[in-house]
C-alpha atoms as a PDB file:
ATOM      1  CA  MET A   1     -25.681-144.564 -15.574  1.00  0.00           C
ATOM      2  CA  SER A   2     -24.134-141.311 -16.604  1.00  0.00           C
ATOM      3  CA  SER A   3     -20.806-140.151 -15.188  1.00  0.00           C
ATOM      4  CA  PRO A   4     -20.893-137.708 -12.373  1.00  0.00           C
ATOM      5  CA  HIS A   5     -18.653-135.367 -14.382  1.00  0.00           C
ATOM      6  CA  SER A   6     -21.262-134.956 -17.113  1.00  0.00           C
ATOM      7  CA  VAL A   7     -23.879-133.587 -14.721  1.00  0.00           C
ATOM      8  CA  PRO A   8     -23.625-129.697 -14.738  1.00  0.00           C
ATOM      9  CA  PRO A   9     -23.398-128.031 -11.406  1.00  0.00           C
ATOM     10  CA  PRO A  10     -26.507-126.649  -9.904  1.00  0.00           C
ATOM     11  CA  TRP A  11     -25.828-123.003 -10.882  1.00  0.00           C
ATOM     12  CA  ALA A  12     -25.269-124.077 -14.527  1.00  0.00           C
ATOM     13  CA  ARG A  13     -28.690-125.598 -14.882  1.00  0.00           C
ATOM     14  CA  ARG A  14     -31.501-123.780 -16.582  1.00  0.00           C
ATOM     15  CA  GLY A  15     -33.917-121.755 -14.594  1.00  0.00           C
ATOM     16  CA  PRO A  16     -33.396-119.194 -11.916  1.00  0.00           C
ATOM     17  CA  ALA A  17     -29.784-119.096 -10.968  1.00  0.00           C
ATOM     18  CA  ALA A  18     -28.884-119.299  -7.521  1.00  0.00           C
ATOM     19  CA  PRO A  19     -25.803-117.479  -6.205  1.00  0.00           C
ATOM     20  CA  PRO A  20     -22.811-119.639  -5.804  1.00  0.00           C
ATOM     21  CA  PRO A  21     -21.893-120.412  -2.235  1.00  0.00           C
ATOM     22  CA  GLY A  22     -19.940-117.509  -0.651  1.00  0.00           C
ATOM     23  CA  GLY A  23     -21.150-115.126  -3.476  1.00  0.00           C
ATOM     24  CA  ALA A  24     -19.408-114.148  -6.785  1.00  0.00           C
ATOM     25  CA  ARG A  25     -16.714-112.017  -5.011  1.00  0.00           C
ATOM     26  CA  ALA A  26     -15.645-115.228  -3.145  1.00  0.00           C
ATOM     27  CA  GLU A  27     -15.325-117.095  -6.366  1.00  0.00           C
ATOM     28  CA  MET A  28     -13.020-114.392  -8.145  1.00  0.00           C
ATOM     29  CA  PRO A  29      -9.375-115.029  -8.116  1.00  0.00           C
ATOM     30  CA  PRO A  30      -7.432-112.696  -5.934  1.00  0.00           C
ATOM     31  CA  GLU A  31      -5.487-111.118  -8.808  1.00  0.00           C
ATOM     32  CA  VAL A  32      -8.725-110.236 -10.707  1.00  0.00           C
ATOM     33  CA  ARG A  33     -10.143-108.537  -7.599  1.00  0.00           C
ATOM     34  CA  ALA A  34      -6.720-106.535  -7.287  1.00  0.00           C
ATOM     35  CA  ARG A  35      -6.902-105.410 -10.944  1.00  0.00           C
ATOM     36  CA  ARG A  36     -10.495-104.254 -10.468  1.00  0.00           C
ATOM     37  CA  ARG A  37      -9.757-102.316  -7.428  1.00  0.00           C
ATOM     38  CA  ALA A  38      -6.791-100.627  -9.284  1.00  0.00           C
ATOM     39  CA  ARG A  39      -9.010 -99.677 -12.159  1.00  0.00           C
ATOM     40  CA  ALA A  40     -11.624 -98.312  -9.837  1.00  0.00           C
ATOM     41  CA  ARG A  41      -9.045 -96.155  -8.023  1.00  0.00           C
ATOM     42  CA  ARG A  42      -7.835 -94.827 -11.335  1.00  0.00           C
ATOM     43  CA  ARG A  43     -11.333 -93.972 -12.426  1.00  0.00           C
ATOM     44  CA  GLY A  44     -12.025 -92.239  -9.114  1.00  0.00           C
ATOM     45  CA  ILE A  45      -8.840 -90.194  -9.595  1.00  0.00           C
ATOM     46  CA  ALA A  46      -9.591 -89.312 -13.139  1.00  0.00           C
ATOM     47  CA  LEU A  47     -13.178 -88.251 -12.235  1.00  0.00           C
ATOM     48  CA  LEU A  48     -11.948 -86.132  -9.255  1.00  0.00           C
ATOM     49  CA  ALA A  49      -9.449 -84.338 -11.683  1.00  0.00           C
ATOM     50  CA  LEU A  50     -12.189 -83.713 -14.256  1.00  0.00           C
ATOM     51  CA  ALA A  51     -14.398 -82.226 -11.514  1.00  0.00           C
ATOM     52  CA  VAL A  52     -11.655 -79.901 -10.149  1.00  0.00           C
ATOM     53  CA  GLY A  53     -10.815 -78.740 -13.752  1.00  0.00           C
ATOM     54  CA  GLY A  54     -14.541 -78.059 -14.447  1.00  0.00           C
ATOM     55  CA  LEU A  55     -14.790 -75.934 -11.314  1.00  0.00           C
ATOM     56  CA  ALA A  56     -11.749 -73.914 -12.353  1.00  0.00           C
ATOM     57  CA  ILE A  57     -13.218 -73.305 -15.830  1.00  0.00           C
ATOM     58  CA  VAL A  58     -16.512 -72.195 -14.354  1.00  0.00           C
ATOM     59  CA  ALA A  59     -14.725 -69.699 -11.920  1.00  0.00           C
ATOM     60  CA  THR A  60     -12.618 -68.180 -14.689  1.00  0.00           C
ATOM     61  CA  THR A  61     -15.569 -67.726 -17.004  1.00  0.00           C
ATOM     62  CA  SER A  62     -17.693 -66.140 -14.166  1.00  0.00           C
ATOM     63  CA  ASN A  63     -14.818 -63.698 -13.484  1.00  0.00           C
ATOM     64  CA  ALA A  64     -14.609 -62.711 -17.153  1.00  0.00           C
ATOM     65  CA  VAL A  65     -18.353 -62.176 -17.387  1.00  0.00           C
ATOM     66  CA  VAL A  66     -18.360 -59.982 -14.253  1.00  0.00           C
ATOM     67  CA  THR A  67     -15.380 -57.809 -15.078  1.00  0.00           C
ATOM     68  CA  GLY A  68     -15.750 -57.819 -18.776  1.00  0.00           C
ATOM     69  CA  SER A  69     -12.089 -58.760 -19.253  1.00  0.00           C
ATOM     70  CA  ALA A  70      -9.553 -61.335 -18.425  1.00  0.00           C
ATOM     71  CA  PRO A  71      -8.351 -61.625 -14.904  1.00  0.00           C
ATOM     72  CA  LEU A  72      -6.135 -58.654 -13.941  1.00  0.00           C
ATOM     73  CA  PRO A  73      -2.425 -59.282 -13.761  1.00  0.00           C
ATOM     74  CA  ALA A  74      -0.560 -58.790 -10.580  1.00  0.00           C
ATOM     75  CA  PRO A  75       0.061 -55.071  -9.652  1.00  0.00           C
ATOM     76  CA  ALA A  76       3.395 -53.541 -10.878  1.00  0.00           C
ATOM     77  CA  PRO A  77       5.803 -52.500  -8.197  1.00  0.00           C
ATOM     78  CA  ALA A  78       5.429 -48.859  -7.183  1.00  0.00           C
ATOM     79  CA  PRO A  79       7.805 -46.494  -9.076  1.00  0.00           C
ATOM     80  CA  THR A  80      10.715 -44.856  -7.276  1.00  0.00           C
ATOM     81  CA  PRO A  81       9.472 -41.329  -6.185  1.00  0.00           C
ATOM     82  CA  LEU A  82      11.300 -38.397  -7.847  1.00  0.00           C
ATOM     83  CA  PRO A  83      13.256 -36.021  -5.567  1.00  0.00           C
ATOM     84  CA  THR A  84      11.536 -32.917  -4.473  1.00  0.00           C
ATOM     85  CA  ALA A  85      12.725 -29.746  -6.305  1.00  0.00           C
ATOM     86  CA  SER A  86      14.411 -27.153  -4.040  1.00  0.00           C
ATOM     87  CA  SER A  87      12.639 -24.303  -5.822  1.00  0.00           C
ATOM     88  CA  SER A  88      10.276 -23.746  -8.817  1.00  0.00           C
ATOM     89  CA  ALA A  89      11.834 -23.732 -12.265  1.00  0.00           C
ATOM     90  CA  MET A  90       9.872 -20.619 -13.169  1.00  0.00           C
ATOM     91  CA  SER A  91       9.155 -17.838 -10.753  1.00  0.00           C
ATOM     92  CA  VAL A  92       6.428 -15.310 -11.666  1.00  0.00           C
ATOM     93  CA  PRO A  93       6.830 -12.041  -9.745  1.00  0.00           C
ATOM     94  CA  ARG A  94       3.805 -10.623  -7.988  1.00  0.00           C
ATOM     95  CA  PRO A  95       2.469  -7.626 -10.020  1.00  0.00           C
ATOM     96  CA  ALA A  96       3.155  -4.333  -8.390  1.00  0.00           C
ATOM     97  CA  SER A  97       0.588  -1.536  -8.384  1.00  0.00           C
ATOM     98  CA  MET A  98       3.217   1.146  -8.900  1.00  0.00           C
ATOM     99  CA  PRO A  99       6.932   0.920  -9.541  1.00  0.00           C
ATOM    100  CA  VAL A 100       9.235   2.426  -6.894  1.00  0.00           C
ATOM    101  CA  PRO A 101      11.704   4.891  -8.518  1.00  0.00           C
ATOM    102  CA  ARG A 102      15.321   3.793  -8.092  1.00  0.00           C
ATOM    103  CA  ALA A 103      18.114   6.136  -7.008  1.00  0.00           C
ATOM    104  CA  HIS A 104      18.521   9.142  -9.401  1.00  0.00           C
ATOM    105  CA  ALA A 105      15.166   8.124 -10.975  1.00  0.00           C
ATOM    106  CA  ALA A 106      11.656   9.689 -10.909  1.00  0.00           C
ATOM    107  CA  ALA A 107       8.204   8.429 -11.810  1.00  0.00           C
ATOM    108  CA  TRP A 108       5.427  10.137 -13.584  1.00  0.00           C
ATOM    109  CA  ALA A 109       1.893   9.258 -14.992  1.00  0.00           C
ATOM    110  CA  PRO A 110      -0.551  10.982 -17.435  1.00  0.00           C
ATOM    111  CA  VAL A 111      -3.834  12.270 -16.124  1.00  0.00           C
ATOM    112  CA  LEU A 112      -6.598  10.113 -17.650  1.00  0.00           C
ATOM    113  CA  ARG A 113      -9.550  11.947 -16.169  1.00  0.00           C
ATOM    114  CA  GLY A 114     -10.063  15.150 -14.314  1.00  0.00           C
ATOM    115  CA  THR A 115      -9.860  14.791 -10.625  1.00  0.00           C
ATOM    116  CA  VAL A 116      -9.271  16.646  -7.300  1.00  0.00           C
ATOM    117  CA  ALA A 117      -6.014  16.670  -5.362  1.00  0.00           C
ATOM    118  CA  ARG A 118      -6.466  16.377  -1.641  1.00  0.00           C
ATOM    119  CA  THR A 119      -4.403  16.965   1.473  1.00  0.00           C
ATOM    120  CA  THR A 120      -4.699  13.258   2.425  1.00  0.00           C
ATOM    121  CA  PRO A 121      -6.585  10.372   0.726  1.00  0.00           C
ATOM    122  CA  ARG A 122     -10.277  11.368   1.075  1.00  0.00           C
ATOM    123  CA  GLY A 123      -9.072  14.614   2.877  1.00  0.00           C
ATOM    124  CA  ALA A 124      -9.778  18.272   2.099  1.00  0.00           C
ATOM    125  CA  ALA A 125      -9.478  19.473  -1.522  1.00  0.00           C
ATOM    126  CA  ILE A 126      -6.380  21.363  -2.592  1.00  0.00           C
ATOM    127  CA  ALA A 127      -6.870  21.886  -6.354  1.00  0.00           C
ATOM    128  CA  ARG A 128      -8.492  20.515  -9.450  1.00  0.00           C
ATOM    129  CA  VAL A 129      -6.297  18.528 -11.803  1.00  0.00           C
ATOM    130  CA  ALA A 130      -7.237  18.700 -15.454  1.00  0.00           C
ATOM    131  CA  ARG A 131      -6.465  16.226 -18.223  1.00  0.00           C
ATOM    132  CA  ARG A 132      -4.785  18.888 -20.448  1.00  0.00           C
ATOM    133  CA  THR A 133      -2.275  21.637 -19.824  1.00  0.00           C
ATOM    134  CA  PRO A 134      -2.810  25.198 -20.956  1.00  0.00           C
ATOM    135  CA  GLU A 135      -0.741  24.331 -23.946  1.00  0.00           C
ATOM    136  CA  SER A 136      -3.332  21.567 -24.867  1.00  0.00           C
ATOM    137  CA  THR A 137      -0.880  18.730 -24.158  1.00  0.00           C
ATOM    138  CA  THR A 138      -1.610  15.755 -21.859  1.00  0.00           C
ATOM    139  CA  ASN A 139      -1.144  16.683 -18.290  1.00  0.00           C
ATOM    140  CA  LEU A 140       1.559  14.804 -16.333  1.00  0.00           C
ATOM    141  CA  LEU A 141       2.004  14.437 -12.668  1.00  0.00           C
ATOM    142  CA  GLU A 142       5.165  13.341 -10.903  1.00  0.00           C
ATOM    143  CA  ILE A 143       4.544  10.624  -8.367  1.00  0.00           C
ATOM    144  CA  VAL A 144       6.379  10.737  -5.084  1.00  0.00           C
ATOM    145  CA  ASP A 145       4.338   8.374  -2.831  1.00  0.00           C
ATOM    146  CA  ARG A 146       1.476   5.948  -2.677  1.00  0.00           C
ATOM    147  CA  ARG A 147      -0.979   4.723  -0.026  1.00  0.00           C
ATOM    148  CA  ARG A 148      -4.141   2.779   0.420  1.00  0.00           C
ATOM    149  CA  ASP A 149      -7.118   4.289   2.358  1.00  0.00           C
ATOM    150  CA  ALA A 150      -9.233   2.354   4.934  1.00  0.00           C
ATOM    151  CA  ALA A 151     -11.331   0.921   2.102  1.00  0.00           C
ATOM    152  CA  GLY A 152      -8.329  -0.435   0.311  1.00  0.00           C
ATOM    153  CA  ARG A 153      -8.395   2.217  -2.492  1.00  0.00           C
ATOM    154  CA  LEU A 154      -4.979   3.150  -3.870  1.00  0.00           C
ATOM    155  CA  TRP A 155      -3.945   6.793  -3.934  1.00  0.00           C
ATOM    156  CA  ALA A 156      -0.806   8.553  -5.375  1.00  0.00           C
ATOM    157  CA  ARG A 157       0.915  11.522  -3.909  1.00  0.00           C
ATOM    158  CA  VAL A 158       1.915  13.935  -6.644  1.00  0.00           C
ATOM    159  CA  ARG A 159       3.650  17.238  -7.229  1.00  0.00           C
ATOM    160  CA  LEU A 160       1.132  19.910  -8.354  1.00  0.00           C
ATOM    161  CA  ALA A 161       1.675  22.755 -10.834  1.00  0.00           C
ATOM    162  CA  VAL A 162       0.029  25.253  -8.525  1.00  0.00           C
ATOM    163  CA  LEU A 163       1.060  28.057  -6.214  1.00  0.00           C
ATOM    164  CA  PRO A 164       2.651  27.919  -3.758  1.00  0.00           C
ATOM    165  CA  ASN A 165       5.416  25.988  -5.547  1.00  0.00           C
ATOM    166  CA  GLY A 166       6.189  22.651  -3.990  1.00  0.00           C
ATOM    167  CA  THR A 167       2.599  21.915  -3.186  1.00  0.00           C
ATOM    168  CA  ARG A 168       1.840  18.152  -3.116  1.00  0.00           C
ATOM    169  CA  GLY A 169      -1.600  16.365  -3.029  1.00  0.00           C
ATOM    170  CA  TRP A 170      -3.201  12.946  -3.098  1.00  0.00           C
ATOM    171  CA  VAL A 171      -5.146  11.819  -6.208  1.00  0.00           C
ATOM    172  CA  PRO A 172      -6.928   8.422  -6.892  1.00  0.00           C
ATOM    173  CA  ARG A 173      -4.600   6.039  -8.674  1.00  0.00           C
ATOM    174  CA  THR A 174      -7.474   5.215 -11.035  1.00  0.00           C
ATOM    175  CA  ALA A 175      -7.317   8.767 -12.417  1.00  0.00           C
ATOM    176  CA  LEU A 176      -3.818   8.219 -13.686  1.00  0.00           C
ATOM    177  CA  GLY A 177      -2.384   6.203 -16.570  1.00  0.00           C
ATOM    178  CA  ALA A 178       0.610   3.845 -16.758  1.00  0.00           C
ATOM    179  CA  ILE A 179       3.748   4.747 -14.706  1.00  0.00           C
ATOM    180  CA  THR A 180       6.905   5.771 -16.520  1.00  0.00           C
ATOM    181  CA  THR A 181      10.308   6.252 -14.827  1.00  0.00           C
ATOM    182  CA  VAL A 182      13.121   8.527 -16.057  1.00  0.00           C
ATOM    183  CA  ARG A 183      16.736   8.898 -14.954  1.00  0.00           C
ATOM    184  CA  THR A 184      17.545  12.282 -16.360  1.00  0.00           C
ATOM    185  CA  HIS A 185      17.521  15.343 -14.086  1.00  0.00           C
ATOM    186  CA  LEU A 186      18.045  18.943 -15.084  1.00  0.00           C
ATOM    187  CA  TYR A 187      19.694  21.290 -12.658  1.00  0.00           C
ATOM    188  CA  VAL A 188      19.664  25.088 -13.186  1.00  0.00           C
ATOM    189  CA  ASP A 189      21.973  27.229 -11.191  1.00  0.00           C
ATOM    190  CA  LEU A 190      20.725  30.893 -11.099  1.00  0.00           C
ATOM    191  CA  SER A 191      23.928  32.313  -9.690  1.00  0.00           C
ATOM    192  CA  ALA A 192      26.154  30.517 -12.218  1.00  0.00           C
ATOM    193  CA  ARG A 193      23.482  30.891 -14.947  1.00  0.00           C
ATOM    194  CA  THR A 194      24.013  27.410 -16.228  1.00  0.00           C
ATOM    195  CA  ALA A 195      21.793  24.330 -16.984  1.00  0.00           C
ATOM    196  CA  THR A 196      23.267  20.850 -16.422  1.00  0.00           C
ATOM    197  CA  LEU A 197      21.585  17.735 -17.451  1.00  0.00           C
ATOM    198  CA  MET A 198      22.536  14.488 -15.597  1.00  0.00           C
ATOM    199  CA  ARG A 199      21.622  10.850 -16.021  1.00  0.00           C
ATOM    200  CA  GLY A 200      22.405   9.271 -12.738  1.00  0.00           C
ATOM    201  CA  ASP A 201      25.927  10.364 -12.013  1.00  0.00           C
ATOM    202  CA  ARG A 202      26.785  11.121 -15.628  1.00  0.00           C
ATOM    203  CA  MET A 203      26.676  14.659 -17.009  1.00  0.00           C
ATOM    204  CA  LEU A 204      25.073  14.762 -20.434  1.00  0.00           C
ATOM    205  CA  LEU A 205      24.925  18.465 -21.093  1.00  0.00           C
ATOM    206  CA  ARG A 206      25.964  21.882 -19.641  1.00  0.00           C
ATOM    207  CA  ALA A 207      25.074  25.142 -21.219  1.00  0.00           C
ATOM    208  CA  PRO A 208      24.778  28.907 -20.413  1.00  0.00           C
ATOM    209  CA  VAL A 209      21.239  30.140 -19.781  1.00  0.00           C
ATOM    210  CA  GLY A 210      19.331  33.317 -19.393  1.00  0.00           C
ATOM    211  CA  VAL A 211      17.263  33.605 -16.178  1.00  0.00           C
ATOM    212  CA  GLY A 212      14.541  36.002 -14.727  1.00  0.00           C
ATOM    213  CA  ARG A 213      15.512  39.461 -14.152  1.00  0.00           C
ATOM    214  CA  PRO A 214      14.862  41.276 -10.835  1.00  0.00           C
ATOM    215  CA  GLY A 215      11.151  41.659 -10.149  1.00  0.00           C
ATOM    216  CA  SER A 216      10.321  38.553 -12.253  1.00  0.00           C
ATOM    217  CA  ALA A 217      12.780  36.079 -10.711  1.00  0.00           C
ATOM    218  CA  THR A 218      12.952  32.472 -11.774  1.00  0.00           C
ATOM    219  CA  PRO A 219      11.363  30.416  -8.823  1.00  0.00           C
ATOM    220  CA  THR A 220      13.578  27.932  -6.998  1.00  0.00           C
ATOM    221  CA  GLY A 221      12.616  24.495  -5.950  1.00  0.00           C
ATOM    222  CA  ARG A 222      12.022  21.013  -7.324  1.00  0.00           C
ATOM    223  CA  PHE A 223       9.753  20.784 -10.415  1.00  0.00           C
ATOM    224  CA  TYR A 224       9.345  18.466 -13.468  1.00  0.00           C
ATOM    225  CA  ILE A 225       8.878  18.742 -17.215  1.00  0.00           C
ATOM    226  CA  ARG A 226       5.201  18.652 -18.118  1.00  0.00           C
ATOM    227  CA  SER A 227       5.346  19.094 -21.856  1.00  0.00           C
ATOM    228  CA  ARG A 228       7.550  19.320 -24.945  1.00  0.00           C
ATOM    229  CA  LEU A 229       6.476  21.794 -27.604  1.00  0.00           C
ATOM    230  CA  THR A 230       7.595  22.461 -31.211  1.00  0.00           C
ATOM    231  CA  THR A 231       4.497  24.311 -32.470  1.00  0.00           C
ATOM    232  CA  TYR A 232       5.426  27.823 -31.551  1.00  0.00           C
ATOM    233  CA  SER A 233       6.088  29.755 -34.731  1.00  0.00           C
ATOM    234  CA  SER A 234       7.594  32.766 -33.063  1.00  0.00           C
ATOM    235  CA  PRO A 235      11.446  32.902 -33.182  1.00  0.00           C
ATOM    236  CA  THR A 236      11.315  34.177 -29.604  1.00  0.00           C
ATOM    237  CA  TYR A 237      10.953  30.621 -28.323  1.00  0.00           C
ATOM    238  CA  GLY A 238      13.343  28.938 -30.681  1.00  0.00           C
ATOM    239  CA  PRO A 239      12.810  25.574 -32.293  1.00  0.00           C
ATOM    240  CA  VAL A 240      11.634  23.649 -29.167  1.00  0.00           C
ATOM    241  CA  ALA A 241      10.335  24.602 -25.735  1.00  0.00           C
ATOM    242  CA  PHE A 242       9.558  22.731 -22.560  1.00  0.00           C
ATOM    243  CA  GLY A 243       6.672  23.477 -20.051  1.00  0.00           C
ATOM    244  CA  THR A 244       7.491  22.926 -16.443  1.00  0.00           C
ATOM    245  CA  SER A 245       5.400  22.613 -13.302  1.00  0.00           C
ATOM    246  CA  ALA A 246       7.014  25.748 -11.804  1.00  0.00           C
ATOM    247  CA  ARG A 247       4.712  28.819 -11.378  1.00  0.00           C
ATOM    248  CA  SER A 248       5.687  32.445 -11.004  1.00  0.00           C
ATOM    249  CA  ALA A 249       3.771  34.935  -8.945  1.00  0.00           C
ATOM    250  CA  ASP A 250       4.677  37.639 -11.534  1.00  0.00           C
ATOM    251  CA  LEU A 251       3.797  37.627 -15.195  1.00  0.00           C
ATOM    252  CA  THR A 252       6.139  35.481 -17.257  1.00  0.00           C
ATOM    253  CA  ASP A 253       6.952  35.522 -20.956  1.00  0.00           C
ATOM    254  CA  TRP A 254       5.493  32.048 -21.321  1.00  0.00           C
ATOM    255  CA  PRO A 255       2.468  32.074 -23.626  1.00  0.00           C
ATOM    256  CA  ALA A 256       0.073  30.535 -21.252  1.00  0.00           C
ATOM    257  CA  GLY A 257       1.167  32.951 -18.478  1.00  0.00           C
ATOM    258  CA  GLY A 258       2.290  32.142 -15.015  1.00  0.00           C
ATOM    259  CA  TYR A 259       4.153  28.946 -15.840  1.00  0.00           C
ATOM    260  CA  ILE A 260       8.039  28.764 -16.199  1.00  0.00           C
ATOM    261  CA  GLY A 261       9.149  27.495 -19.575  1.00  0.00           C
ATOM    262  CA  ILE A 262      12.577  26.381 -20.998  1.00  0.00           C
ATOM    263  CA  HIS A 263      13.057  27.483 -24.511  1.00  0.00           C
ATOM    264  CA  GLY A 264      15.302  28.845 -27.257  1.00  0.00           C
ATOM    265  CA  THR A 265      15.838  32.475 -28.082  1.00  0.00           C
ATOM    266  CA  ASP A 266      16.454  34.801 -31.035  1.00  0.00           C
ATOM    267  CA  ARG A 267      18.860  36.741 -28.862  1.00  0.00           C
ATOM    268  CA  PRO A 268      21.726  34.426 -27.966  1.00  0.00           C
ATOM    269  CA  ASP A 269      23.913  37.446 -27.523  1.00  0.00           C
ATOM    270  CA  LEU A 270      22.184  38.104 -24.254  1.00  0.00           C
ATOM    271  CA  LEU A 271      23.254  34.784 -22.704  1.00  0.00           C
ATOM    272  CA  PRO A 272      24.180  34.163 -19.980  1.00  0.00           C
ATOM    273  CA  GLY A 273      22.350  36.816 -18.090  1.00  0.00           C
ATOM    274  CA  ALA A 274      19.197  37.778 -16.071  1.00  0.00           C
ATOM    275  CA  VAL A 275      17.168  38.750 -19.120  1.00  0.00           C
ATOM    276  CA  SER A 276      13.772  37.001 -18.931  1.00  0.00           C
ATOM    277  CA  HIS A 277      10.488  37.369 -17.220  1.00  0.00           C
ATOM    278  CA  GLY A 278      11.098  34.194 -15.318  1.00  0.00           C
ATOM    279  CA  CYS A 279      11.600  31.620 -18.079  1.00  0.00           C
ATOM    280  CA  ILE A 280      14.907  29.799 -18.655  1.00  0.00           C
ATOM    281  CA  ARG A 281      16.366  30.704 -22.115  1.00  0.00           C
ATOM    282  CA  MET A 282      18.958  28.695 -24.018  1.00  0.00           C
ATOM    283  CA  ARG A 283      20.811  29.007 -27.250  1.00  0.00           C
ATOM    284  CA  ASN A 284      18.860  27.246 -29.997  1.00  0.00           C
ATOM    285  CA  ALA A 285      21.631  24.675 -30.544  1.00  0.00           C
ATOM    286  CA  ASP A 286      21.646  23.952 -26.802  1.00  0.00           C
ATOM    287  CA  VAL A 287      17.974  23.573 -26.388  1.00  0.00           C
ATOM    288  CA  GLU A 288      17.892  21.123 -29.385  1.00  0.00           C
ATOM    289  CA  ARG A 289      20.537  19.075 -27.782  1.00  0.00           C
ATOM    290  CA  LEU A 290      18.444  19.187 -24.579  1.00  0.00           C
ATOM    291  CA  ALA A 291      15.390  18.024 -26.456  1.00  0.00           C
ATOM    292  CA  ALA A 292      17.343  15.046 -27.837  1.00  0.00           C
ATOM    293  CA  LEU A 293      18.474  13.908 -24.247  1.00  0.00           C
ATOM    294  CA  MET A 294      15.725  14.873 -21.834  1.00  0.00           C
ATOM    295  CA  PRO A 295      12.295  13.081 -21.956  1.00  0.00           C
ATOM    296  CA  VAL A 296       9.138  14.600 -20.428  1.00  0.00           C
ATOM    297  CA  GLY A 297       8.655  13.782 -16.816  1.00  0.00           C
ATOM    298  CA  SER A 298      12.272  14.571 -15.983  1.00  0.00           C
ATOM    299  CA  PRO A 299      12.807  16.399 -12.707  1.00  0.00           C
ATOM    300  CA  VAL A 300      13.985  19.974 -12.708  1.00  0.00           C
ATOM    301  CA  THR A 301      15.778  21.521  -9.719  1.00  0.00           C
ATOM    302  CA  VAL A 302      16.349  25.211  -9.727  1.00  0.00           C
ATOM    303  CA  ARG A 303      18.855  26.586  -7.251  1.00  0.00           C
ATOM    304  CA  SER A 304      19.649  30.071  -6.342  1.00  0.00           C
END
């Protein structure tokens, strides 16, 4: 009879195994089950971490594909605004259509094309204005005012070299060239028979002169220098002569006739005196000094 201890338990016999009473979990020692549960928890935590990391990698890759670059950094803080300037560092003046003469100054412009002087802008005609003077020099006009008409067209009011002396008229600004200002002014005193050139308040020259004799008096009024001439070969007019805008109703000794000139002479012994046909004569040395100091366009005032 064999020992009861040599007989294997039922679940150790060959053939289909039957589960032990109470199941395998009931037969595991408590410490084994605790270790298994701990390992399971650790595996679960590791799997969860791997899943979260995989999702982050997928999200980053998707963002790079969509934007074509790495994720944008956080925006930089806004810069501190600069203080507003009180005024511009460079000021460009608005262009003026015509300079306004200063005190003791006058403005003139050459005639670019023949035109008609009128009583008012677009008013009645007074006289034709040519490009050239009778001496074949460029015609100049002294400008005394300006105005725009109803259509916005700019006009200039000018002194005219016509009778009666002192006539003014309006011409289109487009008929004139660039404006030039001068500060010299020649004063002729018929009674004292002197010519005095001023620049502002400073006297530059004073000289004795010959003026018109009775019957061909030198006209009085405000005029201007229209031309400077050095081409006359006759010693009667000296080395240099000036044409003015003054006109005489009588015949003058000016070559073009009717205009008052300022020129030298071959008879200085007659100066000062009323010796001319209306022109203003000067000694040759004096008229040369005048030519060096007085530009064209200068005003001329003749007083009785």
